[in-house]
Amino acid sequence: MPSPNSTLEGIVLNSVETGESHIILSIFSKKNGLSKVLLRTRKNVRFNSPPDFFDDVELVLNLPKDGIGLPFVKDFKVLNKRSELATSHKKFKTASSIARLFLDNGADLQFVDPFFKLLQISLKFLELGHQPNCIFLKTLFQFGRLEGLAVKESWLISLSDKRRRVTKHILRTKLEDLEISEEILPELIQSLRNWLNNETELRC
């Protein structure tokens, strides 16, 4: 958790109203991983438009005087907006699924930097318009590998020959060069999700 009066840069993954004048922002940062901070929304005119989902933000934080509770946002700056993600239902739904993956599993990561890079890259490719299901499958697989899980040695091997060939092609091919039928992708994603949920501690 960031120290008092510190600056935190990261990506907004969630925003939840609490009371009449505050929201809790969930931020994933390169330095701190998953953090929650409290933002006042109504008493200060500048805060009437809080950061949006998937924005890159820079936050100036304070802890309460008694040292109890969430860090409080004194000031913030939106460094980058990913407005393109809201132009397509599939893009936004996939971005939300990726955010949920990080929200559910990003609190106790040992090495944060590679996960932060994975999040950045996944959102970037979504913005560029590549196949959302391909992006999510690659993200889910890579998240498992970064956690040291046997997604390649166990899950991939367990697939039928046809599914294994398709999956290897997806994982090895650059997104800009992929042309995969959408029909098989949900099955592969669900298969990987089931394996991760049943065989590991990840929540997917």
N, C-alpha and C. Protein backbone atom coordinates (compact mmCIF):
# COMPACT_ATOMS: atom_id res chain seq x y z
N MET A 1 0.84 -1.20 0.00
CA MET A 1 0.00 0.00 0.00
C MET A 1 0.88 1.24 0.00
N PRO A 2 0.57 2.26 -0.79
CA PRO A 2 1.38 3.46 -0.87
C PRO A 2 1.49 4.15 0.49
N SER A 3 2.60 4.85 0.72
CA SER A 3 2.80 5.58 1.97
C SER A 3 2.06 6.91 1.92
N PRO A 4 1.86 7.58 3.10
CA PRO A 4 1.16 8.87 3.12
C PRO A 4 1.85 9.90 2.24
N ASN A 5 1.05 10.77 1.63
CA ASN A 5 1.57 11.87 0.81
C ASN A 5 2.43 11.38 -0.35
N SER A 6 2.10 10.23 -0.87
CA SER A 6 2.87 9.68 -1.99
C SER A 6 2.12 9.88 -3.29
N THR A 7 2.83 9.64 -4.39
CA THR A 7 2.21 9.70 -5.71
C THR A 7 2.07 8.27 -6.24
N LEU A 8 0.92 7.98 -6.77
CA LEU A 8 0.65 6.65 -7.30
C LEU A 8 0.19 6.78 -8.75
N GLU A 9 0.87 6.07 -9.65
CA GLU A 9 0.46 6.02 -11.05
C GLU A 9 -0.03 4.62 -11.38
N GLY A 10 -1.14 4.55 -12.10
CA GLY A 10 -1.65 3.24 -12.45
C GLY A 10 -2.87 3.33 -13.35
N ILE A 11 -3.52 2.20 -13.52
CA ILE A 11 -4.69 2.08 -14.38
C ILE A 11 -5.92 1.83 -13.53
N VAL A 12 -6.99 2.56 -13.78
CA VAL A 12 -8.24 2.40 -13.04
C VAL A 12 -8.95 1.13 -13.52
N LEU A 13 -9.15 0.19 -12.59
CA LEU A 13 -9.83 -1.05 -12.94
C LEU A 13 -11.27 -1.11 -12.44
N ASN A 14 -11.58 -0.31 -11.42
CA ASN A 14 -12.93 -0.35 -10.88
C ASN A 14 -13.22 0.94 -10.12
N SER A 15 -14.50 1.26 -10.03
CA SER A 15 -14.96 2.46 -9.31
C SER A 15 -16.28 2.12 -8.65
N VAL A 16 -16.34 2.28 -7.32
CA VAL A 16 -17.53 1.92 -6.56
C VAL A 16 -17.94 3.08 -5.67
N GLU A 17 -19.20 3.51 -5.78
CA GLU A 17 -19.70 4.59 -4.93
C GLU A 17 -19.80 4.09 -3.49
N THR A 18 -19.43 4.97 -2.56
CA THR A 18 -19.59 4.66 -1.15
C THR A 18 -20.09 5.92 -0.45
N GLY A 19 -21.29 5.86 0.08
CA GLY A 19 -21.90 7.06 0.64
C GLY A 19 -22.35 7.99 -0.47
N GLU A 20 -22.60 9.25 -0.10
CA GLU A 20 -23.13 10.22 -1.05
C GLU A 20 -22.06 11.00 -1.79
N SER A 21 -20.84 11.01 -1.28
CA SER A 21 -19.85 11.91 -1.87
C SER A 21 -18.47 11.29 -2.06
N HIS A 22 -18.39 9.97 -2.03
CA HIS A 22 -17.09 9.33 -2.21
C HIS A 22 -17.21 8.12 -3.14
N ILE A 23 -16.11 7.80 -3.77
CA ILE A 23 -16.00 6.55 -4.51
C ILE A 23 -14.68 5.88 -4.13
N ILE A 24 -14.68 4.57 -4.22
CA ILE A 24 -13.46 3.80 -4.02
C ILE A 24 -12.94 3.37 -5.38
N LEU A 25 -11.73 3.80 -5.69
CA LEU A 25 -11.09 3.44 -6.95
C LEU A 25 -10.12 2.28 -6.71
N SER A 26 -10.19 1.29 -7.58
CA SER A 26 -9.21 0.20 -7.58
C SER A 26 -8.20 0.49 -8.68
N ILE A 27 -6.95 0.61 -8.29
CA ILE A 27 -5.87 1.00 -9.20
C ILE A 27 -4.85 -0.13 -9.28
N PHE A 28 -4.44 -0.47 -10.50
CA PHE A 28 -3.33 -1.42 -10.65
C PHE A 28 -2.13 -0.65 -11.15
N SER A 29 -1.05 -0.69 -10.38
CA SER A 29 0.13 0.11 -10.71
C SER A 29 1.36 -0.78 -10.84
N LYS A 30 2.32 -0.26 -11.56
CA LYS A 30 3.58 -0.96 -11.78
C LYS A 30 4.36 -1.12 -10.49
N LYS A 31 4.20 -0.18 -9.58
CA LYS A 31 4.97 -0.17 -8.33
C LYS A 31 4.29 -0.93 -7.22
N ASN A 32 2.98 -0.76 -7.07
CA ASN A 32 2.28 -1.27 -5.90
C ASN A 32 1.31 -2.41 -6.19
N GLY A 33 1.12 -2.75 -7.47
CA GLY A 33 0.13 -3.76 -7.77
C GLY A 33 -1.27 -3.21 -7.57
N LEU A 34 -2.14 -3.99 -6.95
CA LEU A 34 -3.52 -3.59 -6.77
C LEU A 34 -3.68 -2.78 -5.49
N SER A 35 -4.23 -1.57 -5.62
CA SER A 35 -4.46 -0.70 -4.47
C SER A 35 -5.87 -0.12 -4.55
N LYS A 36 -6.43 0.20 -3.39
CA LYS A 36 -7.72 0.89 -3.32
C LYS A 36 -7.53 2.23 -2.64
N VAL A 37 -8.17 3.25 -3.22
CA VAL A 37 -8.06 4.60 -2.68
C VAL A 37 -9.44 5.24 -2.63
N LEU A 38 -9.58 6.24 -1.77
CA LEU A 38 -10.87 6.91 -1.58
C LEU A 38 -10.82 8.29 -2.21
N LEU A 39 -11.82 8.60 -3.03
CA LEU A 39 -11.89 9.88 -3.73
C LEU A 39 -13.19 10.60 -3.39
N ARG A 40 -13.09 11.85 -2.94
CA ARG A 40 -14.29 12.66 -2.71
C ARG A 40 -14.75 13.23 -4.04
N THR A 41 -16.04 13.17 -4.32
CA THR A 41 -16.53 13.52 -5.65
C THR A 41 -17.35 14.79 -5.72
N ARG A 42 -17.89 15.29 -4.62
CA ARG A 42 -18.85 16.39 -4.73
C ARG A 42 -18.40 17.70 -4.10
N LYS A 43 -17.62 17.66 -3.06
CA LYS A 43 -17.29 18.90 -2.37
C LYS A 43 -16.30 19.76 -3.15
N ASN A 44 -15.54 19.12 -4.00
CA ASN A 44 -14.57 19.85 -4.82
C ASN A 44 -15.03 19.77 -6.27
N VAL A 45 -15.21 20.91 -6.90
CA VAL A 45 -15.75 20.94 -8.27
C VAL A 45 -14.89 20.12 -9.22
N ARG A 46 -13.59 20.14 -9.03
CA ARG A 46 -12.70 19.43 -9.94
C ARG A 46 -12.94 17.93 -9.90
N PHE A 47 -13.46 17.44 -8.78
CA PHE A 47 -13.64 16.02 -8.62
C PHE A 47 -15.03 15.55 -9.05
N ASN A 48 -15.82 16.44 -9.67
CA ASN A 48 -17.13 16.03 -10.16
C ASN A 48 -17.03 15.06 -11.33
N SER A 49 -15.90 15.05 -12.00
CA SER A 49 -15.67 14.10 -13.09
C SER A 49 -14.48 13.23 -12.71
N PRO A 50 -14.73 12.18 -11.95
CA PRO A 50 -13.63 11.33 -11.49
C PRO A 50 -13.03 10.53 -12.64
N PRO A 51 -11.88 9.93 -12.44
CA PRO A 51 -11.29 9.09 -13.48
C PRO A 51 -12.24 7.99 -13.90
N ASP A 52 -12.16 7.64 -15.17
CA ASP A 52 -13.04 6.62 -15.73
C ASP A 52 -12.33 5.27 -15.77
N PHE A 53 -13.09 4.22 -16.05
CA PHE A 53 -12.50 2.89 -16.20
C PHE A 53 -11.41 2.90 -17.26
N PHE A 54 -10.30 2.27 -16.93
CA PHE A 54 -9.16 2.04 -17.82
C PHE A 54 -8.33 3.30 -18.09
N ASP A 55 -8.62 4.40 -17.39
CA ASP A 55 -7.77 5.59 -17.50
C ASP A 55 -6.42 5.33 -16.84
N ASP A 56 -5.35 5.89 -17.42
CA ASP A 56 -4.06 5.99 -16.73
C ASP A 56 -4.11 7.24 -15.87
N VAL A 57 -3.83 7.10 -14.58
CA VAL A 57 -3.95 8.23 -13.67
C VAL A 57 -2.69 8.40 -12.83
N GLU A 58 -2.52 9.62 -12.35
CA GLU A 58 -1.51 9.94 -11.35
C GLU A 58 -2.25 10.52 -10.15
N LEU A 59 -2.11 9.91 -9.00
CA LEU A 59 -2.83 10.30 -7.81
C LEU A 59 -1.87 10.80 -6.74
N VAL A 60 -2.23 11.87 -6.07
CA VAL A 60 -1.52 12.33 -4.88
C VAL A 60 -2.34 11.89 -3.67
N LEU A 61 -1.73 11.11 -2.78
CA LEU A 61 -2.47 10.44 -1.72
C LEU A 61 -2.10 10.96 -0.33
N ASN A 62 -3.09 10.88 0.56
CA ASN A 62 -2.93 11.15 1.98
C ASN A 62 -3.62 10.04 2.76
N LEU A 63 -3.04 9.65 3.89
CA LEU A 63 -3.73 8.74 4.80
C LEU A 63 -4.50 9.55 5.84
N PRO A 64 -5.60 9.01 6.38
CA PRO A 64 -6.30 9.69 7.46
C PRO A 64 -5.36 9.95 8.64
N LYS A 65 -5.66 10.99 9.43
CA LYS A 65 -4.79 11.37 10.54
C LYS A 65 -4.62 10.25 11.56
N ASP A 66 -5.68 9.45 11.75
CA ASP A 66 -5.58 8.35 12.72
C ASP A 66 -4.88 7.13 12.13
N GLY A 67 -4.50 7.20 10.86
CA GLY A 67 -3.77 6.10 10.23
C GLY A 67 -4.63 4.91 9.88
N ILE A 68 -5.95 5.04 10.01
CA ILE A 68 -6.86 3.93 9.73
C ILE A 68 -7.68 4.26 8.48
N GLY A 69 -7.84 3.29 7.62
CA GLY A 69 -8.68 3.49 6.45
C GLY A 69 -7.88 3.55 5.17
N LEU A 70 -8.57 3.82 4.08
CA LEU A 70 -7.95 3.86 2.76
C LEU A 70 -7.20 5.17 2.56
N PRO A 71 -6.15 5.15 1.73
CA PRO A 71 -5.51 6.41 1.33
C PRO A 71 -6.54 7.31 0.66
N PHE A 72 -6.43 8.60 0.95
CA PHE A 72 -7.37 9.58 0.41
C PHE A 72 -6.71 10.35 -0.74
N VAL A 73 -7.43 10.53 -1.83
CA VAL A 73 -6.90 11.23 -2.99
C VAL A 73 -6.98 12.74 -2.78
N LYS A 74 -5.83 13.38 -2.61
CA LYS A 74 -5.78 14.83 -2.49
C LYS A 74 -5.95 15.50 -3.84
N ASP A 75 -5.35 14.91 -4.85
CA ASP A 75 -5.38 15.47 -6.20
C ASP A 75 -5.13 14.35 -7.19
N PHE A 76 -5.55 14.54 -8.42
CA PHE A 76 -5.30 13.53 -9.43
C PHE A 76 -5.19 14.17 -10.81
N LYS A 77 -4.54 13.40 -11.68
CA LYS A 77 -4.38 13.82 -13.07
C LYS A 77 -4.62 12.60 -13.96
N VAL A 78 -5.45 12.77 -14.98
CA VAL A 78 -5.64 11.71 -15.96
C VAL A 78 -4.56 11.84 -17.01
N LEU A 79 -3.70 10.83 -17.11
CA LEU A 79 -2.57 10.87 -18.03
C LEU A 79 -2.94 10.36 -19.42
N ASN A 80 -3.89 9.45 -19.47
CA ASN A 80 -4.28 8.86 -20.75
C ASN A 80 -5.66 8.24 -20.62
N LYS A 81 -6.51 8.49 -21.59
CA LYS A 81 -7.84 7.90 -21.61
C LYS A 81 -7.91 6.84 -22.70
N ARG A 82 -8.56 5.73 -22.39
CA ARG A 82 -8.74 4.66 -23.37
C ARG A 82 -10.19 4.67 -23.86
N SER A 83 -10.59 5.79 -24.42
CA SER A 83 -11.98 5.97 -24.84
C SER A 83 -12.40 5.00 -25.93
N GLU A 84 -11.43 4.51 -26.71
CA GLU A 84 -11.72 3.59 -27.80
C GLU A 84 -12.37 2.30 -27.29
N LEU A 85 -12.10 1.93 -26.04
CA LEU A 85 -12.64 0.69 -25.50
C LEU A 85 -14.16 0.76 -25.34
N ALA A 86 -14.70 1.98 -25.26
CA ALA A 86 -16.15 2.14 -25.07
C ALA A 86 -16.91 2.20 -26.39
N THR A 87 -16.20 2.13 -27.52
CA THR A 87 -16.87 2.24 -28.82
C THR A 87 -17.44 0.91 -29.31
N SER A 88 -17.10 -0.17 -28.61
CA SER A 88 -17.56 -1.50 -29.02
C SER A 88 -17.93 -2.30 -27.78
N HIS A 89 -19.08 -2.97 -27.85
CA HIS A 89 -19.51 -3.80 -26.71
C HIS A 89 -18.51 -4.92 -26.45
N LYS A 90 -18.02 -5.55 -27.52
CA LYS A 90 -17.06 -6.65 -27.35
C LYS A 90 -15.76 -6.17 -26.73
N LYS A 91 -15.29 -5.00 -27.18
CA LYS A 91 -14.05 -4.45 -26.61
C LYS A 91 -14.22 -4.18 -25.12
N PHE A 92 -15.32 -3.50 -24.77
CA PHE A 92 -15.52 -3.12 -23.37
C PHE A 92 -15.75 -4.35 -22.50
N LYS A 93 -16.50 -5.32 -23.01
CA LYS A 93 -16.75 -6.54 -22.24
C LYS A 93 -15.45 -7.29 -21.98
N THR A 94 -14.59 -7.38 -23.00
CA THR A 94 -13.31 -8.07 -22.83
C THR A 94 -12.39 -7.30 -21.90
N ALA A 95 -12.35 -5.97 -22.04
CA ALA A 95 -11.55 -5.16 -21.13
C ALA A 95 -12.03 -5.35 -19.69
N SER A 96 -13.33 -5.44 -19.50
CA SER A 96 -13.89 -5.65 -18.17
C SER A 96 -13.51 -7.03 -17.62
N SER A 97 -13.49 -8.04 -18.49
CA SER A 97 -13.08 -9.39 -18.06
C SER A 97 -11.60 -9.40 -17.66
N ILE A 98 -10.78 -8.67 -18.41
CA ILE A 98 -9.37 -8.57 -18.06
C ILE A 98 -9.21 -7.84 -16.73
N ALA A 99 -9.97 -6.75 -16.55
CA ALA A 99 -9.93 -6.01 -15.29
C ALA A 99 -10.32 -6.92 -14.13
N ARG A 100 -11.38 -7.72 -14.32
CA ARG A 100 -11.82 -8.62 -13.26
C ARG A 100 -10.76 -9.65 -12.91
N LEU A 101 -10.02 -10.14 -13.92
CA LEU A 101 -8.93 -11.06 -13.68
C LEU A 101 -7.89 -10.44 -12.75
N PHE A 102 -7.55 -9.19 -12.99
CA PHE A 102 -6.56 -8.50 -12.17
C PHE A 102 -7.12 -8.10 -10.81
N LEU A 103 -8.39 -7.75 -10.75
CA LEU A 103 -9.02 -7.40 -9.48
C LEU A 103 -9.11 -8.61 -8.55
N ASP A 104 -9.42 -9.77 -9.11
CA ASP A 104 -9.59 -10.97 -8.30
C ASP A 104 -8.28 -11.63 -7.92
N ASN A 105 -7.21 -11.36 -8.68
CA ASN A 105 -5.96 -12.10 -8.47
C ASN A 105 -4.73 -11.22 -8.32
N GLY A 106 -4.92 -9.89 -8.30
CA GLY A 106 -3.77 -9.01 -8.33
C GLY A 106 -3.31 -8.44 -7.01
N ALA A 107 -3.89 -8.92 -5.89
CA ALA A 107 -3.58 -8.30 -4.60
C ALA A 107 -2.25 -8.78 -4.02
N ASP A 108 -1.85 -10.01 -4.30
CA ASP A 108 -0.67 -10.58 -3.63
C ASP A 108 0.36 -11.10 -4.63
N LEU A 109 0.53 -10.40 -5.73
CA LEU A 109 1.51 -10.81 -6.72
C LEU A 109 2.92 -10.54 -6.21
N GLN A 110 3.81 -11.49 -6.42
CA GLN A 110 5.18 -11.34 -5.92
C GLN A 110 5.98 -10.34 -6.77
N PHE A 111 5.84 -10.44 -8.08
CA PHE A 111 6.53 -9.53 -8.98
C PHE A 111 5.49 -8.82 -9.83
N VAL A 112 5.30 -7.53 -9.60
CA VAL A 112 4.18 -6.81 -10.20
C VAL A 112 4.47 -6.37 -11.63
N ASP A 113 5.68 -5.97 -11.92
CA ASP A 113 6.02 -5.33 -13.19
C ASP A 113 5.56 -6.12 -14.42
N PRO A 114 5.83 -7.44 -14.53
CA PRO A 114 5.39 -8.15 -15.74
C PRO A 114 3.88 -8.21 -15.87
N PHE A 115 3.16 -8.24 -14.76
CA PHE A 115 1.70 -8.23 -14.81
C PHE A 115 1.18 -6.88 -15.27
N PHE A 116 1.82 -5.80 -14.82
CA PHE A 116 1.42 -4.47 -15.27
C PHE A 116 1.63 -4.32 -16.77
N LYS A 117 2.74 -4.82 -17.26
CA LYS A 117 3.01 -4.79 -18.70
C LYS A 117 1.98 -5.60 -19.47
N LEU A 118 1.59 -6.76 -18.92
CA LEU A 118 0.58 -7.59 -19.56
C LEU A 118 -0.75 -6.84 -19.65
N LEU A 119 -1.13 -6.16 -18.59
CA LEU A 119 -2.36 -5.38 -18.59
C LEU A 119 -2.30 -4.27 -19.63
N GLN A 120 -1.21 -3.54 -19.67
CA GLN A 120 -1.05 -2.46 -20.65
C GLN A 120 -1.16 -2.98 -22.08
N ILE A 121 -0.45 -4.06 -22.37
CA ILE A 121 -0.43 -4.61 -23.73
C ILE A 121 -1.80 -5.11 -24.14
N SER A 122 -2.49 -5.79 -23.22
CA SER A 122 -3.82 -6.34 -23.53
C SER A 122 -4.80 -5.23 -23.88
N LEU A 123 -4.80 -4.17 -23.09
CA LEU A 123 -5.70 -3.04 -23.36
C LEU A 123 -5.31 -2.32 -24.65
N LYS A 124 -4.01 -2.24 -24.92
CA LYS A 124 -3.55 -1.59 -26.15
C LYS A 124 -4.06 -2.34 -27.38
N PHE A 125 -3.95 -3.67 -27.38
CA PHE A 125 -4.39 -4.45 -28.54
C PHE A 125 -5.90 -4.40 -28.70
N LEU A 126 -6.62 -4.30 -27.58
CA LEU A 126 -8.07 -4.12 -27.67
C LEU A 126 -8.39 -2.80 -28.35
N GLU A 127 -7.68 -1.75 -27.96
CA GLU A 127 -7.89 -0.44 -28.58
C GLU A 127 -7.63 -0.49 -30.08
N LEU A 128 -6.63 -1.27 -30.48
CA LEU A 128 -6.24 -1.34 -31.89
C LEU A 128 -7.23 -2.15 -32.72
N GLY A 129 -8.15 -2.84 -32.07
CA GLY A 129 -9.21 -3.51 -32.81
C GLY A 129 -8.96 -4.97 -33.14
N HIS A 130 -7.98 -5.61 -32.49
CA HIS A 130 -7.75 -7.03 -32.73
C HIS A 130 -8.85 -7.87 -32.06
N GLN A 131 -8.93 -9.15 -32.43
CA GLN A 131 -10.01 -10.01 -31.95
C GLN A 131 -10.03 -10.07 -30.42
N PRO A 132 -11.11 -9.59 -29.79
CA PRO A 132 -11.17 -9.56 -28.32
C PRO A 132 -10.98 -10.92 -27.67
N ASN A 133 -11.60 -11.97 -28.23
CA ASN A 133 -11.47 -13.29 -27.61
C ASN A 133 -10.05 -13.84 -27.70
N CYS A 134 -9.35 -13.54 -28.79
CA CYS A 134 -7.95 -13.93 -28.90
C CYS A 134 -7.11 -13.22 -27.85
N ILE A 135 -7.37 -11.95 -27.68
CA ILE A 135 -6.64 -11.16 -26.69
C ILE A 135 -6.88 -11.71 -25.29
N PHE A 136 -8.13 -12.04 -24.97
CA PHE A 136 -8.42 -12.53 -23.63
C PHE A 136 -7.79 -13.90 -23.40
N LEU A 137 -7.84 -14.78 -24.39
CA LEU A 137 -7.21 -16.10 -24.24
C LEU A 137 -5.71 -15.95 -24.01
N LYS A 138 -5.06 -15.12 -24.80
CA LYS A 138 -3.62 -14.89 -24.62
C LYS A 138 -3.33 -14.29 -23.25
N THR A 139 -4.16 -13.34 -22.81
CA THR A 139 -3.95 -12.68 -21.52
C THR A 139 -4.10 -13.68 -20.38
N LEU A 140 -5.14 -14.48 -20.43
CA LEU A 140 -5.40 -15.47 -19.39
C LEU A 140 -4.27 -16.49 -19.32
N PHE A 141 -3.82 -16.96 -20.48
CA PHE A 141 -2.73 -17.94 -20.54
C PHE A 141 -1.45 -17.33 -19.98
N GLN A 142 -1.13 -16.10 -20.40
CA GLN A 142 0.10 -15.46 -19.94
C GLN A 142 0.05 -15.13 -18.46
N PHE A 143 -1.13 -14.74 -17.95
CA PHE A 143 -1.28 -14.49 -16.52
C PHE A 143 -0.92 -15.75 -15.73
N GLY A 144 -1.44 -16.88 -16.21
CA GLY A 144 -1.12 -18.14 -15.54
C GLY A 144 0.36 -18.47 -15.59
N ARG A 145 0.98 -18.25 -16.72
CA ARG A 145 2.42 -18.52 -16.84
C ARG A 145 3.23 -17.61 -15.92
N LEU A 146 2.86 -16.33 -15.85
CA LEU A 146 3.57 -15.42 -14.96
C LEU A 146 3.43 -15.82 -13.50
N GLU A 147 2.33 -16.47 -13.17
CA GLU A 147 2.12 -16.97 -11.81
C GLU A 147 2.86 -18.28 -11.56
N GLY A 148 3.51 -18.80 -12.60
CA GLY A 148 4.25 -20.05 -12.45
C GLY A 148 3.40 -21.29 -12.53
N LEU A 149 2.22 -21.18 -13.15
CA LEU A 149 1.30 -22.30 -13.24
C LEU A 149 1.56 -23.12 -14.50
N ALA A 150 1.18 -24.38 -14.46
CA ALA A 150 1.49 -25.31 -15.56
C ALA A 150 0.44 -25.24 -16.66
N VAL A 151 0.16 -24.04 -17.13
CA VAL A 151 -0.85 -23.89 -18.17
C VAL A 151 -0.40 -24.55 -19.48
N LYS A 152 0.88 -24.51 -19.75
CA LYS A 152 1.41 -25.14 -20.97
C LYS A 152 1.60 -26.64 -20.77
N GLU A 153 2.16 -27.00 -19.64
CA GLU A 153 2.53 -28.39 -19.40
C GLU A 153 1.32 -29.27 -19.04
N SER A 154 0.26 -28.67 -18.48
CA SER A 154 -0.88 -29.45 -18.04
C SER A 154 -2.15 -29.14 -18.84
N TRP A 155 -2.60 -27.88 -18.82
CA TRP A 155 -3.85 -27.56 -19.52
C TRP A 155 -3.74 -27.76 -21.02
N LEU A 156 -2.70 -27.21 -21.64
CA LEU A 156 -2.56 -27.29 -23.10
C LEU A 156 -2.46 -28.74 -23.56
N ILE A 157 -1.72 -29.54 -22.80
CA ILE A 157 -1.54 -30.95 -23.16
C ILE A 157 -2.85 -31.72 -23.05
N SER A 158 -3.74 -31.26 -22.17
CA SER A 158 -5.00 -31.99 -21.94
C SER A 158 -6.02 -31.79 -23.06
N LEU A 159 -5.79 -30.84 -23.95
CA LEU A 159 -6.74 -30.55 -25.02
C LEU A 159 -6.68 -31.64 -26.10
N SER A 160 -7.77 -31.75 -26.86
CA SER A 160 -7.76 -32.66 -28.01
C SER A 160 -6.72 -32.17 -29.02
N ASP A 161 -6.33 -33.04 -29.94
CA ASP A 161 -5.31 -32.69 -30.92
C ASP A 161 -5.70 -31.43 -31.71
N LYS A 162 -6.94 -31.38 -32.15
CA LYS A 162 -7.39 -30.23 -32.94
C LYS A 162 -7.35 -28.95 -32.12
N ARG A 163 -7.88 -28.99 -30.92
CA ARG A 163 -7.89 -27.79 -30.07
C ARG A 163 -6.48 -27.36 -29.68
N ARG A 164 -5.61 -28.36 -29.46
CA ARG A 164 -4.24 -28.03 -29.10
C ARG A 164 -3.52 -27.33 -30.26
N ARG A 165 -3.74 -27.80 -31.49
CA ARG A 165 -3.12 -27.17 -32.65
C ARG A 165 -3.61 -25.72 -32.81
N VAL A 166 -4.92 -25.53 -32.67
CA VAL A 166 -5.49 -24.18 -32.80
C VAL A 166 -4.95 -23.27 -31.71
N THR A 167 -4.92 -23.77 -30.48
CA THR A 167 -4.45 -22.96 -29.35
C THR A 167 -2.99 -22.58 -29.52
N LYS A 168 -2.16 -23.52 -29.91
CA LYS A 168 -0.74 -23.21 -30.13
C LYS A 168 -0.58 -22.16 -31.22
N HIS A 169 -1.39 -22.26 -32.26
CA HIS A 169 -1.34 -21.26 -33.34
C HIS A 169 -1.71 -19.88 -32.81
N ILE A 170 -2.74 -19.81 -32.00
CA ILE A 170 -3.16 -18.52 -31.43
C ILE A 170 -2.07 -17.94 -30.54
N LEU A 171 -1.50 -18.78 -29.67
CA LEU A 171 -0.51 -18.30 -28.70
C LEU A 171 0.81 -17.89 -29.37
N ARG A 172 1.14 -18.52 -30.49
CA ARG A 172 2.43 -18.26 -31.14
C ARG A 172 2.36 -17.16 -32.19
N THR A 173 1.16 -16.81 -32.63
CA THR A 173 1.00 -15.88 -33.74
C THR A 173 0.69 -14.47 -33.23
N LYS A 174 1.30 -13.48 -33.87
CA LYS A 174 1.01 -12.10 -33.51
C LYS A 174 -0.45 -11.78 -33.82
N LEU A 175 -1.06 -10.95 -32.97
CA LEU A 175 -2.48 -10.65 -33.13
C LEU A 175 -2.80 -10.06 -34.49
N GLU A 176 -1.90 -9.24 -35.02
CA GLU A 176 -2.16 -8.61 -36.31
C GLU A 176 -2.15 -9.62 -37.46
N ASP A 177 -1.60 -10.82 -37.20
CA ASP A 177 -1.55 -11.85 -38.25
C ASP A 177 -2.57 -12.96 -38.04
N LEU A 178 -3.38 -12.85 -36.98
CA LEU A 178 -4.33 -13.91 -36.65
C LEU A 178 -5.67 -13.74 -37.37
N GLU A 179 -6.15 -14.82 -37.93
CA GLU A 179 -7.51 -14.87 -38.47
C GLU A 179 -8.12 -16.19 -38.02
N ILE A 180 -8.79 -16.13 -36.87
CA ILE A 180 -9.33 -17.34 -36.24
C ILE A 180 -10.85 -17.25 -36.19
N SER A 181 -11.50 -18.36 -36.48
CA SER A 181 -12.96 -18.42 -36.37
C SER A 181 -13.37 -18.18 -34.92
N GLU A 182 -14.37 -17.32 -34.73
CA GLU A 182 -14.83 -16.99 -33.38
C GLU A 182 -15.51 -18.17 -32.71
N GLU A 183 -15.91 -19.18 -33.47
CA GLU A 183 -16.69 -20.28 -32.90
C GLU A 183 -15.93 -21.06 -31.85
N ILE A 184 -14.64 -21.29 -32.07
CA ILE A 184 -13.88 -22.14 -31.16
C ILE A 184 -13.33 -21.37 -29.96
N LEU A 185 -13.21 -20.05 -30.06
CA LEU A 185 -12.56 -19.27 -29.03
C LEU A 185 -13.27 -19.33 -27.67
N PRO A 186 -14.59 -19.15 -27.60
CA PRO A 186 -15.26 -19.25 -26.30
C PRO A 186 -15.03 -20.60 -25.62
N GLU A 187 -14.98 -21.69 -26.40
CA GLU A 187 -14.74 -23.02 -25.84
C GLU A 187 -13.35 -23.10 -25.22
N LEU A 188 -12.36 -22.56 -25.92
CA LEU A 188 -10.99 -22.60 -25.39
C LEU A 188 -10.86 -21.74 -24.14
N ILE A 189 -11.48 -20.56 -24.16
CA ILE A 189 -11.44 -19.68 -22.99
C ILE A 189 -12.09 -20.35 -21.79
N GLN A 190 -13.26 -20.96 -21.99
CA GLN A 190 -13.94 -21.61 -20.89
C GLN A 190 -13.16 -22.80 -20.37
N SER A 191 -12.52 -23.53 -21.28
CA SER A 191 -11.68 -24.66 -20.87
C SER A 191 -10.53 -24.19 -19.99
N LEU A 192 -9.87 -23.13 -20.38
CA LEU A 192 -8.75 -22.60 -19.59
C LEU A 192 -9.25 -22.05 -18.25
N ARG A 193 -10.38 -21.36 -18.28
CA ARG A 193 -10.96 -20.85 -17.03
C ARG A 193 -11.27 -22.01 -16.07
N ASN A 194 -11.88 -23.07 -16.60
CA ASN A 194 -12.23 -24.21 -15.75
C ASN A 194 -10.98 -24.83 -15.14
N TRP A 195 -9.94 -24.97 -15.95
CA TRP A 195 -8.70 -25.56 -15.44
C TRP A 195 -8.09 -24.69 -14.35
N LEU A 196 -8.03 -23.39 -14.58
CA LEU A 196 -7.46 -22.48 -13.59
C LEU A 196 -8.27 -22.47 -12.30
N ASN A 197 -9.59 -22.47 -12.42
CA ASN A 197 -10.44 -22.46 -11.23
C ASN A 197 -10.37 -23.77 -10.44
N ASN A 198 -10.22 -24.88 -11.16
CA ASN A 198 -10.24 -26.19 -10.50
C ASN A 198 -8.87 -26.67 -10.03
N GLU A 199 -7.82 -26.27 -10.76
CA GLU A 199 -6.49 -26.81 -10.48
C GLU A 199 -5.55 -25.82 -9.81
N THR A 200 -5.94 -24.56 -9.72
CA THR A 200 -5.07 -23.54 -9.13
C THR A 200 -5.87 -22.66 -8.17
N GLU A 201 -5.19 -21.70 -7.57
CA GLU A 201 -5.84 -20.80 -6.64
C GLU A 201 -6.37 -19.54 -7.34
N LEU A 202 -6.15 -19.41 -8.64
CA LEU A 202 -6.66 -18.25 -9.36
C LEU A 202 -8.17 -18.31 -9.44
N ARG A 203 -8.78 -17.10 -9.45
CA ARG A 203 -10.22 -16.98 -9.67
C ARG A 203 -10.43 -16.37 -11.04
N CYS A 204 -11.13 -17.09 -11.88
CA CYS A 204 -11.33 -16.67 -13.26
C CYS A 204 -12.81 -16.78 -13.65
